[in-house]
Amino acid sequence: MLEHRHAKLVALFTFLMLVIGGTVNIKGASLACTEPTLLCRGELFPAMKGGVLYEHGHRLWGMGIGVLQIILTTLLVMRRRDLRGLAWLTFAMVCAQGLLGALTVAFKLPWYVSTAHLLFGMTYFATLLWIVYLTRPAIGPLPEEQNRHRARVGTLGSGRGWIALALGVLLVQLALGALVRHFEATLACIGMPECTAAGDSWWPALFEQRLHMVHRGFGVVTALVTVVAAVQVWRRSPSWPALRALMVAAPVVACAQVALGIFTVLTLRKDVVAVGHFAGAMLLWSAWIGAWIVSGSGRRSLVGAVAEPARGLRAGVVP
């Protein structure tokens, strides 16, 4: 289905947008363009060099996502009446995200605006994943798939609570990471595992150092919660391949995140390592959001679905 394929494209571009946004901070290019508009240094397409490449490249990518979102909203409004609410919601979200980006520049990077900009972008991405899920084509007779999904949800039991716990802990860790980047605290501690290189301080005096250590410690907590939650969900989903695949991916990404966090410090925030660390955070967010969506009660609709009689399918959207 056209809207399903396009929704996946918008979600992919949004994921890359989040990673590019992290790269802007890593490169110290957050204020390379001082205008809170679509222009940079008075031009829509200035010389893409130095910080301008990252900062204005981030803006141009965002403009592209805006165009893709307009197309997605149009497709959903025209072809999927049941999803019109989400169509307009995501349109409003992408507009709000652009406004937050402009305010971030206009007010010279206040921590509360820049952090909200990141977290709201992640929320928009999560909503796009939900649309991808809801617009997927049918893969079997609708009643049979509905019954199978209900049985899986019933077997999962408290497993969804573990997913919610992992998501909540991860959200706190992502917010802490955003604060670390904003306050330039990534290299406030260069020792490992203690803060100072001399190895004599777990709770240093400076705010930036303490923020760094809190993020570091909570990262370990996040990884442990991820592993435990994934095991609990895995045990409760014996006949759910998609959910089990996510439960394998989440702990692997979480452990890789811990390793990348360590190497970010040991390499003094080498660009490729720092970008990888940020991308890993987005992958972990994707895994847990995907698990939350997949394990839900599901949203069924025959409106706008495509029947495939040649394959013996019935029109509908299935879990």
Protein backbone atom coordinates (compact mmCIF):
# COMPACT_ATOMS: atom_id res chain seq x y z
CA MET A 1 0.00 0.00 0.00
CA LEU A 2 1.25 3.41 -0.99
CA GLU A 3 0.60 5.07 2.38
CA HIS A 4 2.41 2.25 4.19
CA ARG A 5 5.51 2.52 2.01
CA HIS A 6 5.52 6.31 2.31
CA ALA A 7 5.09 6.15 6.09
CA LYS A 8 8.17 3.92 6.28
CA LEU A 9 10.09 6.44 4.17
CA VAL A 10 9.10 9.33 6.47
CA ALA A 11 10.04 7.26 9.54
CA LEU A 12 13.45 6.42 8.05
CA PHE A 13 14.15 10.06 7.19
CA THR A 14 13.08 11.10 10.69
CA PHE A 15 15.42 8.56 12.27
CA LEU A 16 18.28 9.96 10.18
CA MET A 17 17.16 13.48 11.11
CA LEU A 18 17.56 12.66 14.80
CA VAL A 19 21.05 11.28 14.19
CA ILE A 20 21.99 14.34 12.13
CA GLY A 21 20.72 16.54 14.94
CA GLY A 22 23.07 14.76 17.33
CA THR A 23 25.93 15.30 14.90
CA VAL A 24 25.29 19.08 14.90
CA ASN A 25 26.04 19.19 18.64
CA ILE A 26 29.05 16.90 18.35
CA LYS A 27 30.53 19.19 15.72
CA GLY A 28 29.82 22.28 17.84
CA ALA A 29 27.74 23.71 15.03
CA SER A 30 24.50 24.45 16.90
CA LEU A 31 24.72 28.21 16.27
CA ALA A 32 26.59 28.17 12.97
CA CYS A 33 23.44 29.74 11.53
CA THR A 34 22.11 32.44 13.83
CA GLU A 35 18.82 33.13 12.05
CA PRO A 36 15.80 31.27 13.50
CA THR A 37 14.39 30.92 9.99
CA LEU A 38 14.85 28.77 6.91
CA LEU A 39 17.82 30.94 5.92
CA CYS A 40 21.43 30.71 7.00
CA ARG A 41 23.58 33.83 6.75
CA GLY A 42 20.91 35.37 4.56
CA GLU A 43 20.76 32.51 2.05
CA LEU A 44 18.69 29.39 1.60
CA PHE A 45 21.69 27.60 0.12
CA PRO A 46 24.84 29.16 1.61
CA ALA A 47 28.31 27.72 1.17
CA MET A 48 28.02 24.35 2.92
CA LYS A 49 31.32 24.42 4.77
CA GLY A 50 32.35 24.00 8.39
CA GLY A 51 29.56 24.27 10.92
CA VAL A 52 27.12 25.50 8.27
CA LEU A 53 27.28 22.08 6.60
CA TYR A 54 25.95 20.41 9.73
CA GLU A 55 23.60 23.08 11.09
CA HIS A 56 22.01 24.16 7.81
CA GLY A 57 22.15 20.61 6.48
CA HIS A 58 20.06 19.67 9.51
CA ARG A 59 17.57 22.42 8.62
CA LEU A 60 17.36 21.40 4.97
CA TRP A 61 16.79 17.78 5.98
CA GLY A 62 14.02 18.98 8.27
CA MET A 63 12.42 20.88 5.40
CA GLY A 64 12.49 17.69 3.37
CA ILE A 65 10.74 15.81 6.15
CA GLY A 66 8.13 18.57 6.25
CA VAL A 67 7.39 17.99 2.56
CA LEU A 68 7.26 14.22 3.09
CA GLN A 69 4.89 14.72 6.01
CA ILE A 70 2.56 16.85 3.89
CA ILE A 71 2.43 14.01 1.35
CA LEU A 72 1.81 11.45 4.10
CA THR A 73 -0.99 13.54 5.60
CA THR A 74 -2.59 13.92 2.18
CA LEU A 75 -2.39 10.18 1.49
CA LEU A 76 -3.91 9.27 4.83
CA VAL A 77 -6.70 11.83 4.60
CA MET A 78 -7.61 10.69 1.09
CA ARG A 79 -7.11 6.94 1.42
CA ARG A 80 -7.48 6.09 5.11
CA ARG A 81 -10.38 7.82 6.79
CA ASP A 82 -9.76 5.83 9.97
CA LEU A 83 -6.32 7.43 10.29
CA ARG A 84 -7.23 11.04 9.58
CA GLY A 85 -6.71 11.96 13.23
CA LEU A 86 -3.15 10.63 13.19
CA ALA A 87 -2.57 12.27 9.81
CA TRP A 88 -3.35 15.73 11.19
CA LEU A 89 -1.61 14.98 14.49
CA THR A 90 1.70 14.16 12.81
CA PHE A 91 1.36 17.22 10.57
CA ALA A 92 0.92 19.39 13.67
CA MET A 93 3.84 17.62 15.35
CA VAL A 94 6.26 18.25 12.51
CA CYS A 95 5.25 21.94 12.51
CA ALA A 96 5.77 22.12 16.28
CA GLN A 97 9.15 20.43 15.93
CA GLY A 98 10.23 23.04 13.40
CA LEU A 99 9.07 25.78 15.76
CA LEU A 100 11.08 24.25 18.63
CA GLY A 101 14.13 24.20 16.40
CA ALA A 102 13.65 27.87 15.57
CA LEU A 103 13.20 28.76 19.26
CA THR A 104 16.36 26.83 20.11
CA VAL A 105 18.33 29.13 17.82
CA ALA A 106 16.41 32.31 18.63
CA PHE A 107 17.03 31.99 22.36
CA LYS A 108 20.63 30.73 21.96
CA LEU A 109 20.21 27.11 23.05
CA PRO A 110 18.33 27.22 26.38
CA TRP A 111 18.57 23.77 27.91
CA TYR A 112 14.81 23.31 28.32
CA VAL A 113 14.06 24.17 24.68
CA SER A 114 16.88 22.09 23.18
CA THR A 115 15.96 19.11 25.37
CA ALA A 116 12.27 19.46 24.45
CA HIS A 117 13.33 19.64 20.78
CA LEU A 118 15.03 16.25 21.04
CA LEU A 119 12.33 14.52 23.10
CA PHE A 120 9.52 15.86 20.93
CA GLY A 121 11.37 14.66 17.83
CA MET A 122 11.53 11.18 19.35
CA THR A 123 7.80 11.33 20.08
CA TYR A 124 7.09 12.29 16.48
CA PHE A 125 9.24 9.37 15.31
CA ALA A 126 7.34 6.99 17.62
CA THR A 127 4.02 8.21 16.20
CA LEU A 128 5.28 7.57 12.68
CA LEU A 129 6.17 4.00 13.67
CA TRP A 130 2.60 3.59 14.88
CA ILE A 131 1.31 4.76 11.50
CA VAL A 132 3.64 2.31 9.76
CA TYR A 133 2.14 -0.45 11.92
CA LEU A 134 -1.45 0.56 11.28
CA THR A 135 -1.07 0.88 7.51
CA ARG A 136 0.66 -2.44 6.86
CA PRO A 137 -1.15 -4.74 4.42
CA ALA A 138 -3.06 -7.81 5.53
CA ILE A 139 -1.04 -11.00 5.83
CA GLY A 140 -3.88 -13.46 6.35
CA PRO A 141 -7.62 -13.81 6.93
CA LEU A 142 -8.57 -11.00 9.28
CA PRO A 143 -10.60 -12.95 11.90
CA GLU A 144 -7.89 -15.61 12.25
CA GLU A 145 -5.17 -13.00 12.67
CA GLN A 146 -7.26 -11.09 15.20
CA ASN A 147 -7.80 -14.22 17.27
CA ARG A 148 -4.11 -15.08 17.08
CA HIS A 149 -3.16 -11.59 18.22
CA ARG A 150 -5.59 -11.71 21.15
CA ALA A 151 -4.15 -15.06 22.21
CA ARG A 152 -0.61 -13.68 22.09
CA VAL A 153 -1.59 -10.62 24.12
CA GLY A 154 -3.25 -12.88 26.67
CA THR A 155 -0.14 -15.04 26.96
CA LEU A 156 2.06 -11.97 27.29
CA GLY A 157 0.29 -10.99 30.50
CA SER A 158 2.49 -8.68 32.59
CA GLY A 159 5.09 -8.60 29.84
CA ARG A 160 3.74 -5.32 28.55
CA GLY A 161 4.38 -3.79 31.95
CA TRP A 162 8.05 -4.70 31.54
CA ILE A 163 8.04 -2.97 28.15
CA ALA A 164 6.56 0.15 29.74
CA LEU A 165 9.21 0.06 32.48
CA ALA A 166 12.04 -0.25 29.98
CA LEU A 167 10.60 2.59 27.90
CA GLY A 168 10.27 4.86 30.92
CA VAL A 169 13.81 4.21 32.12
CA LEU A 170 15.17 4.72 28.61
CA LEU A 171 13.31 8.02 28.26
CA VAL A 172 14.93 9.31 31.46
CA GLN A 173 18.35 8.24 30.19
CA LEU A 174 17.79 9.95 26.84
CA ALA A 175 16.81 13.16 28.63
CA LEU A 176 19.98 12.92 30.74
CA GLY A 177 22.01 12.44 27.58
CA ALA A 178 20.42 15.53 26.06
CA LEU A 179 21.40 17.53 29.15
CA VAL A 180 24.96 16.18 29.02
CA ARG A 181 25.26 17.35 25.42
CA HIS A 182 23.70 20.73 26.16
CA PHE A 183 25.96 21.50 29.12
CA GLU A 184 29.03 20.21 27.24
CA ALA A 185 29.56 17.60 29.96
CA THR A 186 30.56 14.72 27.68
CA LEU A 187 34.23 15.10 28.62
CA ALA A 188 33.68 16.57 32.07
CA CYS A 189 34.91 13.22 33.37
CA ILE A 190 37.73 11.48 31.51
CA GLY A 191 38.44 8.77 34.05
CA MET A 192 36.96 5.27 33.86
CA PRO A 193 35.10 4.07 35.84
CA GLU A 194 35.61 7.01 38.23
CA CYS A 195 35.31 10.59 37.07
CA THR A 196 38.88 11.82 37.27
CA ALA A 197 41.84 10.34 35.48
CA ALA A 198 43.53 9.92 38.86
CA GLY A 199 40.70 7.59 39.83
CA ASP A 200 39.87 9.24 43.13
CA SER A 201 36.37 10.66 42.67
CA TRP A 202 32.94 9.09 42.12
CA TRP A 203 31.03 12.29 43.00
CA PRO A 204 33.08 15.35 41.99
CA ALA A 205 32.26 18.93 42.90
CA LEU A 206 31.38 20.50 39.54
CA PHE A 207 27.81 20.35 38.23
CA GLU A 208 28.90 19.18 34.77
CA GLN A 209 30.93 16.36 36.29
CA ARG A 210 28.05 15.24 38.48
CA LEU A 211 25.68 15.34 35.51
CA HIS A 212 28.12 13.22 33.54
CA MET A 213 28.38 10.65 36.35
CA VAL A 214 24.61 10.49 36.78
CA HIS A 215 24.23 9.82 33.05
CA ARG A 216 26.98 7.22 33.20
CA GLY A 217 25.49 5.42 36.20
CA PHE A 218 21.93 5.55 34.89
CA GLY A 219 23.20 4.15 31.60
CA VAL A 220 24.21 0.99 33.45
CA VAL A 221 20.79 0.91 35.13
CA THR A 222 19.12 1.30 31.71
CA ALA A 223 21.12 -1.58 30.27
CA LEU A 224 20.27 -3.85 33.22
CA VAL A 225 16.57 -2.99 33.04
CA THR A 226 16.65 -3.60 29.28
CA VAL A 227 18.15 -7.06 29.68
CA VAL A 228 15.78 -8.09 32.49
CA ALA A 229 12.71 -6.70 30.70
CA ALA A 230 13.68 -8.37 27.43
CA VAL A 231 14.10 -11.74 29.16
CA GLN A 232 10.70 -11.38 30.86
CA VAL A 233 8.96 -10.47 27.59
CA TRP A 234 10.79 -13.24 25.71
CA ARG A 235 9.57 -15.84 28.19
CA ARG A 236 5.99 -14.66 27.80
CA SER A 237 5.91 -14.59 23.99
CA PRO A 238 6.79 -18.12 22.78
CA SER A 239 4.69 -17.85 19.61
CA TRP A 240 5.39 -14.21 18.75
CA PRO A 241 8.41 -14.05 16.36
CA ALA A 242 8.28 -10.29 15.74
CA LEU A 243 8.21 -9.43 19.43
CA ARG A 244 10.90 -11.97 20.25
CA ALA A 245 13.16 -10.49 17.56
CA LEU A 246 12.85 -7.08 19.21
CA MET A 247 13.64 -8.66 22.59
CA VAL A 248 16.87 -10.03 21.14
CA ALA A 249 17.79 -6.73 19.52
CA ALA A 250 17.16 -4.53 22.57
CA PRO A 251 19.76 -6.09 24.95
CA VAL A 252 22.34 -6.28 22.15
CA VAL A 253 21.91 -2.58 21.38
CA ALA A 254 21.89 -1.69 25.10
CA CYS A 255 25.19 -3.48 25.72
CA ALA A 256 26.67 -1.85 22.62
CA GLN A 257 25.51 1.50 23.99
CA VAL A 258 27.40 0.95 27.23
CA ALA A 259 30.52 0.06 25.25
CA LEU A 260 30.14 3.08 22.98
CA GLY A 261 29.65 5.33 26.00
CA ILE A 262 32.92 4.07 27.48
CA PHE A 263 34.76 4.55 24.19
CA THR A 264 33.29 8.04 23.81
CA VAL A 265 35.17 8.99 26.97
CA LEU A 266 38.33 6.98 26.25
CA THR A 267 38.62 8.42 22.72
CA LEU A 268 37.86 11.94 24.00
CA ARG A 269 34.60 11.99 22.06
CA LYS A 270 35.88 10.89 18.69
CA ASP A 271 33.23 11.90 16.17
CA VAL A 272 32.41 8.48 14.75
CA VAL A 273 32.11 6.96 18.23
CA ALA A 274 29.93 9.78 19.56
CA VAL A 275 27.62 9.65 16.53
CA GLY A 276 27.40 5.87 16.89
CA HIS A 277 26.47 6.30 20.55
CA PHE A 278 23.64 8.67 19.64
CA ALA A 279 22.43 6.43 16.80
CA GLY A 280 22.45 3.46 19.18
CA ALA A 281 20.19 5.37 21.57
CA MET A 282 17.73 5.95 18.74
CA LEU A 283 17.86 2.26 17.78
CA LEU A 284 17.11 1.23 21.35
CA TRP A 285 14.21 3.69 21.44
CA SER A 286 12.94 2.19 18.15
CA ALA A 287 13.12 -1.34 19.55
CA TRP A 288 11.12 -0.58 22.69
CA ILE A 289 8.59 1.63 20.89
CA GLY A 290 8.16 -1.15 18.34
CA ALA A 291 7.61 -3.67 21.14
CA TRP A 292 5.01 -1.40 22.77
CA ILE A 293 3.13 -0.96 19.50
CA VAL A 294 3.26 -4.61 18.47
CA SER A 295 2.17 -5.87 21.89
CA GLY A 296 -0.84 -3.57 22.11
CA SER A 297 -4.44 -4.66 21.73
CA GLY A 298 -4.12 -3.67 18.10
CA ARG A 299 -6.25 -1.38 15.99
CA ARG A 300 -8.30 -3.10 13.32
CA SER A 301 -9.88 -1.41 10.38
CA LEU A 302 -11.35 -2.44 7.06
CA VAL A 303 -11.45 1.17 5.84
CA GLY A 304 -8.94 1.85 3.10
CA ALA A 305 -7.38 -1.61 3.29
CA VAL A 306 -6.41 -3.43 0.11
CA ALA A 307 -7.83 -6.85 -0.61
CA GLU A 308 -5.60 -9.43 -2.28
CA PRO A 309 -8.00 -12.12 -3.54
CA ALA A 310 -5.32 -13.87 -5.55
CA ARG A 311 -3.59 -14.83 -2.32
CA GLY A 312 -6.80 -15.70 -0.56
CA LEU A 313 -6.55 -12.68 1.70
CA ARG A 314 -9.36 -10.65 3.15
CA ALA A 315 -9.25 -6.90 3.26
CA GLY A 316 -8.06 -5.47 6.51
CA VAL A 317 -5.24 -4.49 8.76
CA VAL A 318 -4.05 -7.20 11.10
CA PRO A 319 -1.67 -7.44 14.02
